[in-house]
Amino acid sequence: MTKKILSTWALALFFCGGANQANAAFYLRPVVQVSALANNTHADADLGLGGGLAWGGVFGRNQRFDTGCEITSTRFKGDFSVPTAWAWDGPSQKEVAWKKIPATCQASSALATFRYSFTTKNEKIRPFFGMAAGFTHLRISSPVRGVDHGGCWTVGIGGGVSYQLGRLTSVDLGYRYVFSNLSGGDFLQAYGYNFRYNANFLTLALTQRFGRGGR
């Protein structure tokens, strides 16, 4: 798992190399987020609440490019499926029945991020498109099954709008869809639960830049 997290940091540092260019600045971005598990018939969880911190560099004409890294953690609470019956499907067994038990899932992510901002006639408003990729650690706890741990590679895509509060400060409202390389069966075989970590995120962030000036 450590190697996977270090791989994420290496990718983020590669992106951050652009922050040394002219018209560049570094930023800090605390984030709060509300999330819902998506496309998941084997989990009935409430909205997840979480937050984190992003940092990196902005560069390019009008500081349109934004690259860096992000650490976030989100907590989901609800009912998650566990298998109760199996049947043979060729050379392997396949789950055929489940029951839902109350559990809590903590999803902690380390991501490399990229954002492109668009300019508008109103200099204070800038729509943006973003991508993220990295590793997510999942911790599931239940009074029935105790505590289990797992992990998966995750990719996120989304966008939003940034509103300039001052020369170096902006507030960002965004949306991100995150999907993983886990299938339900993969997670089931290793940890006894049957769900895939795909989620919708609504984020609110405050970006503070430090460097060679504003946009």
C-alpha atoms as a PDB file:
ATOM      1  CA  MET A   1       0.000   0.000   0.000  1.00  0.00           C
ATOM      2  CA  THR A   2       2.901   2.353   0.798  1.00  0.00           C
ATOM      3  CA  LYS A   3       4.282   1.872  -2.732  1.00  0.00           C
ATOM      4  CA  LYS A   4       0.895   2.809  -4.212  1.00  0.00           C
ATOM      5  CA  ILE A   5       0.698   6.010  -2.167  1.00  0.00           C
ATOM      6  CA  LEU A   6       4.301   6.918  -3.097  1.00  0.00           C
ATOM      7  CA  SER A   7       3.426   6.359  -6.760  1.00  0.00           C
ATOM      8  CA  THR A   8       0.618   8.889  -6.377  1.00  0.00           C
ATOM      9  CA  TRP A   9       3.014  11.454  -4.870  1.00  0.00           C
ATOM     10  CA  ALA A  10       5.511  10.896  -7.687  1.00  0.00           C
ATOM     11  CA  LEU A  11       2.820  11.604 -10.253  1.00  0.00           C
ATOM     12  CA  ALA A  12       1.748  14.737  -8.384  1.00  0.00           C
ATOM     13  CA  LEU A  13       5.322  16.033  -8.153  1.00  0.00           C
ATOM     14  CA  PHE A  14       5.730  15.526 -11.903  1.00  0.00           C
ATOM     15  CA  PHE A  15       2.649  17.665 -12.485  1.00  0.00           C
ATOM     16  CA  CYS A  16       3.862  20.291 -10.018  1.00  0.00           C
ATOM     17  CA  GLY A  17       6.997  20.879 -12.079  1.00  0.00           C
ATOM     18  CA  GLY A  18       5.022  23.395 -14.099  1.00  0.00           C
ATOM     19  CA  ALA A  19       4.715  25.609 -11.034  1.00  0.00           C
ATOM     20  CA  ASN A  20       8.311  26.796 -11.579  1.00  0.00           C
ATOM     21  CA  GLN A  21       7.344  28.544 -14.810  1.00  0.00           C
ATOM     22  CA  ALA A  22       6.750  32.268 -15.203  1.00  0.00           C
ATOM     23  CA  ASN A  23       3.448  33.614 -13.907  1.00  0.00           C
ATOM     24  CA  ALA A  24       3.344  30.721 -11.436  1.00  0.00           C
ATOM     25  CA  ALA A  25       2.213  30.476  -7.851  1.00  0.00           C
ATOM     26  CA  PHE A  26       1.752  27.825  -5.205  1.00  0.00           C
ATOM     27  CA  TYR A  27      -1.555  27.216  -3.478  1.00  0.00           C
ATOM     28  CA  LEU A  28      -3.195  25.646  -0.446  1.00  0.00           C
ATOM     29  CA  ARG A  29      -6.799  24.500  -0.734  1.00  0.00           C
ATOM     30  CA  PRO A  30      -8.777  23.171   2.267  1.00  0.00           C
ATOM     31  CA  VAL A  31     -11.814  21.209   1.079  1.00  0.00           C
ATOM     32  CA  VAL A  32     -15.120  20.088   2.601  1.00  0.00           C
ATOM     33  CA  GLN A  33     -17.254  17.570   0.718  1.00  0.00           C
ATOM     34  CA  VAL A  34     -20.576  15.752   0.710  1.00  0.00           C
ATOM     35  CA  SER A  35     -20.694  12.416  -1.086  1.00  0.00           C
ATOM     36  CA  ALA A  36     -23.088   9.634  -2.108  1.00  0.00           C
ATOM     37  CA  LEU A  37     -22.145   6.115  -3.217  1.00  0.00           C
ATOM     38  CA  ALA A  38     -23.172   5.603  -6.855  1.00  0.00           C
ATOM     39  CA  ASN A  39     -24.351   2.717  -9.072  1.00  0.00           C
ATOM     40  CA  ASN A  40     -24.311   0.404  -6.101  1.00  0.00           C
ATOM     41  CA  THR A  41     -27.121  -2.083  -5.471  1.00  0.00           C
ATOM     42  CA  HIS A  42     -25.307  -3.715  -2.546  1.00  0.00           C
ATOM     43  CA  ALA A  43     -24.895  -0.674  -0.311  1.00  0.00           C
ATOM     44  CA  ASP A  44     -27.556   1.592   1.139  1.00  0.00           C
ATOM     45  CA  ALA A  45     -25.501   4.322   2.797  1.00  0.00           C
ATOM     46  CA  ASP A  46     -26.364   7.789   3.983  1.00  0.00           C
ATOM     47  CA  LEU A  47     -24.645  10.825   2.513  1.00  0.00           C
ATOM     48  CA  GLY A  48     -20.964  10.810   3.368  1.00  0.00           C
ATOM     49  CA  LEU A  49     -19.305  13.824   4.983  1.00  0.00           C
ATOM     50  CA  GLY A  50     -15.615  14.566   4.778  1.00  0.00           C
ATOM     51  CA  GLY A  51     -12.842  16.976   4.004  1.00  0.00           C
ATOM     52  CA  GLY A  52      -9.181  17.324   3.262  1.00  0.00           C
ATOM     53  CA  LEU A  53      -6.366  19.470   1.963  1.00  0.00           C
ATOM     54  CA  ALA A  54      -4.960  20.038  -1.530  1.00  0.00           C
ATOM     55  CA  TRP A  55      -1.719  21.799  -2.460  1.00  0.00           C
ATOM     56  CA  GLY A  56       0.314  22.377  -5.591  1.00  0.00           C
ATOM     57  CA  GLY A  57       1.007  24.998  -8.234  1.00  0.00           C
ATOM     58  CA  VAL A  58      -0.801  27.163 -10.787  1.00  0.00           C
ATOM     59  CA  PHE A  59       0.890  28.354 -13.954  1.00  0.00           C
ATOM     60  CA  GLY A  60       0.393  29.326 -17.578  1.00  0.00           C
ATOM     61  CA  ARG A  61      -1.259  32.363 -19.086  1.00  0.00           C
ATOM     62  CA  ASN A  62      -3.754  33.767 -16.564  1.00  0.00           C
ATOM     63  CA  GLN A  63      -2.770  30.847 -14.338  1.00  0.00           C
ATOM     64  CA  ARG A  64      -5.114  28.500 -16.183  1.00  0.00           C
ATOM     65  CA  PHE A  65      -3.301  25.283 -15.211  1.00  0.00           C
ATOM     66  CA  ASP A  66      -3.491  23.866 -11.707  1.00  0.00           C
ATOM     67  CA  THR A  67      -1.595  20.714 -10.671  1.00  0.00           C
ATOM     68  CA  GLY A  68      -0.878  19.182  -7.307  1.00  0.00           C
ATOM     69  CA  CYS A  69      -1.926  16.564  -4.803  1.00  0.00           C
ATOM     70  CA  GLU A  70      -4.829  16.076  -2.436  1.00  0.00           C
ATOM     71  CA  ILE A  71      -5.569  14.091   0.708  1.00  0.00           C
ATOM     72  CA  THR A  72      -9.219  13.605   1.672  1.00  0.00           C
ATOM     73  CA  SER A  73     -11.249  11.357   3.946  1.00  0.00           C
ATOM     74  CA  THR A  74     -15.011  10.679   3.801  1.00  0.00           C
ATOM     75  CA  ARG A  75     -17.191   8.658   6.166  1.00  0.00           C
ATOM     76  CA  PHE A  76     -20.229   6.675   4.971  1.00  0.00           C
ATOM     77  CA  LYS A  77     -22.708   5.061   7.358  1.00  0.00           C
ATOM     78  CA  GLY A  78     -25.481   2.685   6.335  1.00  0.00           C
ATOM     79  CA  ASP A  79     -26.251  -0.900   5.345  1.00  0.00           C
ATOM     80  CA  PHE A  80     -23.685  -2.932   3.370  1.00  0.00           C
ATOM     81  CA  SER A  81     -24.236  -6.378   1.839  1.00  0.00           C
ATOM     82  CA  VAL A  82     -22.462  -9.553   2.923  1.00  0.00           C
ATOM     83  CA  PRO A  83     -22.944 -12.972   1.238  1.00  0.00           C
ATOM     84  CA  THR A  84     -25.154 -15.683   2.725  1.00  0.00           C
ATOM     85  CA  ALA A  85     -25.107 -18.268  -0.091  1.00  0.00           C
ATOM     86  CA  TRP A  86     -22.841 -19.314  -2.970  1.00  0.00           C
ATOM     87  CA  ALA A  87     -23.164 -21.472  -6.081  1.00  0.00           C
ATOM     88  CA  TRP A  88     -20.557 -22.944  -8.419  1.00  0.00           C
ATOM     89  CA  ASP A  89     -20.045 -20.963 -11.622  1.00  0.00           C
ATOM     90  CA  GLY A  90     -17.628 -23.061 -13.658  1.00  0.00           C
ATOM     91  CA  PRO A  91     -14.396 -23.532 -11.706  1.00  0.00           C
ATOM     92  CA  SER A  92     -15.218 -20.848  -9.115  1.00  0.00           C
ATOM     93  CA  GLN A  93     -17.963 -19.995  -6.685  1.00  0.00           C
ATOM     94  CA  LYS A  94     -20.304 -17.051  -7.136  1.00  0.00           C
ATOM     95  CA  GLU A  95     -22.369 -15.344  -4.478  1.00  0.00           C
ATOM     96  CA  VAL A  96     -26.125 -15.761  -5.076  1.00  0.00           C
ATOM     97  CA  ALA A  97     -27.696 -14.305  -1.922  1.00  0.00           C
ATOM     98  CA  TRP A  98     -26.863 -11.473   0.436  1.00  0.00           C
ATOM     99  CA  LYS A  99     -28.056  -9.789   3.561  1.00  0.00           C
ATOM    100  CA  LYS A 100     -27.426  -6.181   4.598  1.00  0.00           C
ATOM    101  CA  ILE A 101     -25.807  -5.332   7.900  1.00  0.00           C
ATOM    102  CA  PRO A 102     -25.153  -1.914   9.489  1.00  0.00           C
ATOM    103  CA  ALA A 103     -21.606  -0.718   8.931  1.00  0.00           C
ATOM    104  CA  THR A 104     -19.421   2.366   8.586  1.00  0.00           C
ATOM    105  CA  CYS A 105     -17.002   2.882   5.689  1.00  0.00           C
ATOM    106  CA  GLN A 106     -14.132   5.368   5.922  1.00  0.00           C
ATOM    107  CA  ALA A 107     -12.645   6.165   2.494  1.00  0.00           C
ATOM    108  CA  SER A 108      -9.270   7.945   2.642  1.00  0.00           C
ATOM    109  CA  SER A 109      -7.691   9.027  -0.654  1.00  0.00           C
ATOM    110  CA  ALA A 110      -4.291  10.274  -1.807  1.00  0.00           C
ATOM    111  CA  LEU A 111      -4.697  11.777  -5.288  1.00  0.00           C
ATOM    112  CA  ALA A 112      -2.682  13.564  -7.949  1.00  0.00           C
ATOM    113  CA  THR A 113      -4.837  16.362  -9.380  1.00  0.00           C
ATOM    114  CA  PHE A 114      -5.049  18.481 -12.534  1.00  0.00           C
ATOM    115  CA  ARG A 115      -7.385  21.395 -13.271  1.00  0.00           C
ATOM    116  CA  TYR A 116      -7.872  23.685 -16.261  1.00  0.00           C
ATOM    117  CA  SER A 117      -9.662  27.012 -15.703  1.00  0.00           C
ATOM    118  CA  PHE A 118     -11.506  28.955 -18.397  1.00  0.00           C
ATOM    119  CA  THR A 119     -11.526  32.729 -18.601  1.00  0.00           C
ATOM    120  CA  THR A 120     -14.770  34.700 -18.908  1.00  0.00           C
ATOM    121  CA  LYS A 121     -15.754  38.321 -19.431  1.00  0.00           C
ATOM    122  CA  ASN A 122     -16.345  38.520 -15.701  1.00  0.00           C
ATOM    123  CA  GLU A 123     -12.808  38.252 -14.318  1.00  0.00           C
ATOM    124  CA  LYS A 124     -14.081  37.081 -10.932  1.00  0.00           C
ATOM    125  CA  ILE A 125     -15.845  33.981 -12.281  1.00  0.00           C
ATOM    126  CA  ARG A 126     -13.886  31.090 -13.809  1.00  0.00           C
ATOM    127  CA  PRO A 127     -15.409  27.698 -14.715  1.00  0.00           C
ATOM    128  CA  PHE A 128     -12.986  24.774 -14.468  1.00  0.00           C
ATOM    129  CA  PHE A 129     -12.599  21.142 -15.508  1.00  0.00           C
ATOM    130  CA  GLY A 130     -10.583  18.739 -13.377  1.00  0.00           C
ATOM    131  CA  MET A 131      -9.202  15.212 -13.139  1.00  0.00           C
ATOM    132  CA  ALA A 132      -7.675  13.209 -10.301  1.00  0.00           C
ATOM    133  CA  ALA A 133      -6.050   9.798  -9.921  1.00  0.00           C
ATOM    134  CA  GLY A 134      -4.576   7.933  -6.994  1.00  0.00           C
ATOM    135  CA  PHE A 135      -5.151   5.363  -4.274  1.00  0.00           C
ATOM    136  CA  THR A 136      -8.024   5.020  -1.792  1.00  0.00           C
ATOM    137  CA  HIS A 137      -7.864   3.078   1.467  1.00  0.00           C
ATOM    138  CA  LEU A 138     -11.194   1.656   2.679  1.00  0.00           C
ATOM    139  CA  ARG A 139     -11.854   0.825   6.324  1.00  0.00           C
ATOM    140  CA  ILE A 140     -15.188  -0.877   7.064  1.00  0.00           C
ATOM    141  CA  SER A 141     -16.340  -1.477  10.625  1.00  0.00           C
ATOM    142  CA  SER A 142     -19.440  -3.347  11.743  1.00  0.00           C
ATOM    143  CA  PRO A 143     -20.674  -4.675  15.089  1.00  0.00           C
ATOM    144  CA  VAL A 144     -21.382  -7.946  13.231  1.00  0.00           C
ATOM    145  CA  ARG A 145     -18.065  -8.485  11.409  1.00  0.00           C
ATOM    146  CA  GLY A 146     -15.612  -6.206  13.169  1.00  0.00           C
ATOM    147  CA  VAL A 147     -13.086  -4.149  11.182  1.00  0.00           C
ATOM    148  CA  ASP A 148     -11.847  -4.878   7.641  1.00  0.00           C
ATOM    149  CA  HIS A 149      -9.395  -2.972   5.452  1.00  0.00           C
ATOM    150  CA  GLY A 150      -9.035  -2.771   1.687  1.00  0.00           C
ATOM    151  CA  GLY A 151      -7.770  -0.498  -1.041  1.00  0.00           C
ATOM    152  CA  CYS A 152      -8.253   0.374  -4.679  1.00  0.00           C
ATOM    153  CA  TRP A 153      -6.993   2.654  -7.435  1.00  0.00           C
ATOM    154  CA  THR A 154      -9.406   5.508  -8.068  1.00  0.00           C
ATOM    155  CA  VAL A 155      -9.941   8.048 -10.858  1.00  0.00           C
ATOM    156  CA  GLY A 156     -12.094  11.167 -10.649  1.00  0.00           C
ATOM    157  CA  ILE A 157     -13.442  13.600 -13.231  1.00  0.00           C
ATOM    158  CA  GLY A 158     -15.506  16.713 -12.676  1.00  0.00           C
ATOM    159  CA  GLY A 159     -15.745  20.457 -12.849  1.00  0.00           C
ATOM    160  CA  GLY A 160     -17.125  23.524 -11.189  1.00  0.00           C
ATOM    161  CA  VAL A 161     -16.816  27.255 -10.859  1.00  0.00           C
ATOM    162  CA  SER A 162     -14.348  29.468  -9.003  1.00  0.00           C
ATOM    163  CA  TYR A 163     -15.228  32.918  -7.643  1.00  0.00           C
ATOM    164  CA  GLN A 164     -12.399  35.358  -6.969  1.00  0.00           C
ATOM    165  CA  LEU A 165     -12.631  36.911  -3.481  1.00  0.00           C
ATOM    166  CA  GLY A 166      -9.362  38.819  -3.803  1.00  0.00           C
ATOM    167  CA  ARG A 167      -6.182  38.961  -5.836  1.00  0.00           C
ATOM    168  CA  LEU A 168      -4.859  35.701  -4.345  1.00  0.00           C
ATOM    169  CA  THR A 169      -7.975  34.107  -2.844  1.00  0.00           C
ATOM    170  CA  SER A 170     -10.935  32.303  -4.402  1.00  0.00           C
ATOM    171  CA  VAL A 171     -13.799  30.077  -3.317  1.00  0.00           C
ATOM    172  CA  ASP A 172     -14.529  26.987  -5.440  1.00  0.00           C
ATOM    173  CA  LEU A 173     -17.758  25.006  -5.809  1.00  0.00           C
ATOM    174  CA  GLY A 174     -17.280  21.736  -7.664  1.00  0.00           C
ATOM    175  CA  TYR A 175     -18.539  18.273  -8.545  1.00  0.00           C
ATOM    176  CA  ARG A 176     -16.454  15.109  -8.958  1.00  0.00           C
ATOM    177  CA  TYR A 177     -17.388  11.565  -9.932  1.00  0.00           C
ATOM    178  CA  VAL A 178     -14.977   8.954  -8.582  1.00  0.00           C
ATOM    179  CA  PHE A 179     -14.772   5.374  -9.811  1.00  0.00           C
ATOM    180  CA  SER A 180     -12.475   2.526  -8.800  1.00  0.00           C
ATOM    181  CA  ASN A 181     -10.909  -0.597 -10.263  1.00  0.00           C
ATOM    182  CA  LEU A 182     -12.716  -2.770  -7.708  1.00  0.00           C
ATOM    183  CA  SER A 183     -15.578  -4.983  -8.744  1.00  0.00           C
ATOM    184  CA  GLY A 184     -18.021  -6.233  -6.153  1.00  0.00           C
ATOM    185  CA  GLY A 185     -16.546  -9.705  -6.381  1.00  0.00           C
ATOM    186  CA  ASP A 186     -12.981  -8.477  -5.836  1.00  0.00           C
ATOM    187  CA  PHE A 187     -13.924  -6.748  -2.622  1.00  0.00           C
ATOM    188  CA  LEU A 188     -16.140  -9.651  -1.565  1.00  0.00           C
ATOM    189  CA  GLN A 189     -13.430 -12.311  -1.861  1.00  0.00           C
ATOM    190  CA  ALA A 190     -10.915 -10.355   0.171  1.00  0.00           C
ATOM    191  CA  TYR A 191     -13.022  -8.610   2.803  1.00  0.00           C
ATOM    192  CA  GLY A 192     -16.486 -10.177   2.983  1.00  0.00           C
ATOM    193  CA  TYR A 193     -18.476  -7.203   1.693  1.00  0.00           C
ATOM    194  CA  ASN A 194     -20.044  -6.783  -1.720  1.00  0.00           C
ATOM    195  CA  PHE A 195     -19.891  -3.237  -3.073  1.00  0.00           C
ATOM    196  CA  ARG A 196     -17.884  -1.140  -5.480  1.00  0.00           C
ATOM    197  CA  TYR A 197     -16.373   2.165  -4.435  1.00  0.00           C
ATOM    198  CA  ASN A 198     -17.942   4.587  -6.926  1.00  0.00           C
ATOM    199  CA  ALA A 199     -19.161   7.914  -5.577  1.00  0.00           C
ATOM    200  CA  ASN A 200     -20.461  11.399  -6.392  1.00  0.00           C
ATOM    201  CA  PHE A 201     -18.815  14.303  -4.577  1.00  0.00           C
ATOM    202  CA  LEU A 202     -20.004  17.882  -4.096  1.00  0.00           C
ATOM    203  CA  THR A 203     -17.090  19.997  -2.874  1.00  0.00           C
ATOM    204  CA  LEU A 204     -16.578  23.457  -1.418  1.00  0.00           C
ATOM    205  CA  ALA A 205     -13.026  24.767  -1.193  1.00  0.00           C
ATOM    206  CA  LEU A 206     -11.075  27.907  -0.405  1.00  0.00           C
ATOM    207  CA  THR A 207      -7.960  28.426  -2.535  1.00  0.00           C
ATOM    208  CA  GLN A 208      -5.152  30.638  -1.248  1.00  0.00           C
ATOM    209  CA  ARG A 209      -2.289  31.291  -3.665  1.00  0.00           C
ATOM    210  CA  PHE A 210       1.269  32.320  -2.800  1.00  0.00           C
ATOM    211  CA  GLY A 211       3.715  33.531  -5.433  1.00  0.00           C
ATOM    212  CA  ARG A 212       4.176  36.028  -8.208  1.00  0.00           C
ATOM    213  CA  GLY A 213       0.822  37.722  -8.208  1.00  0.00           C
ATOM    214  CA  GLY A 214      -2.798  37.157  -8.954  1.00  0.00           C
ATOM    215  CA  ARG A 215      -4.538  36.174 -12.124  1.00  0.00           C
END
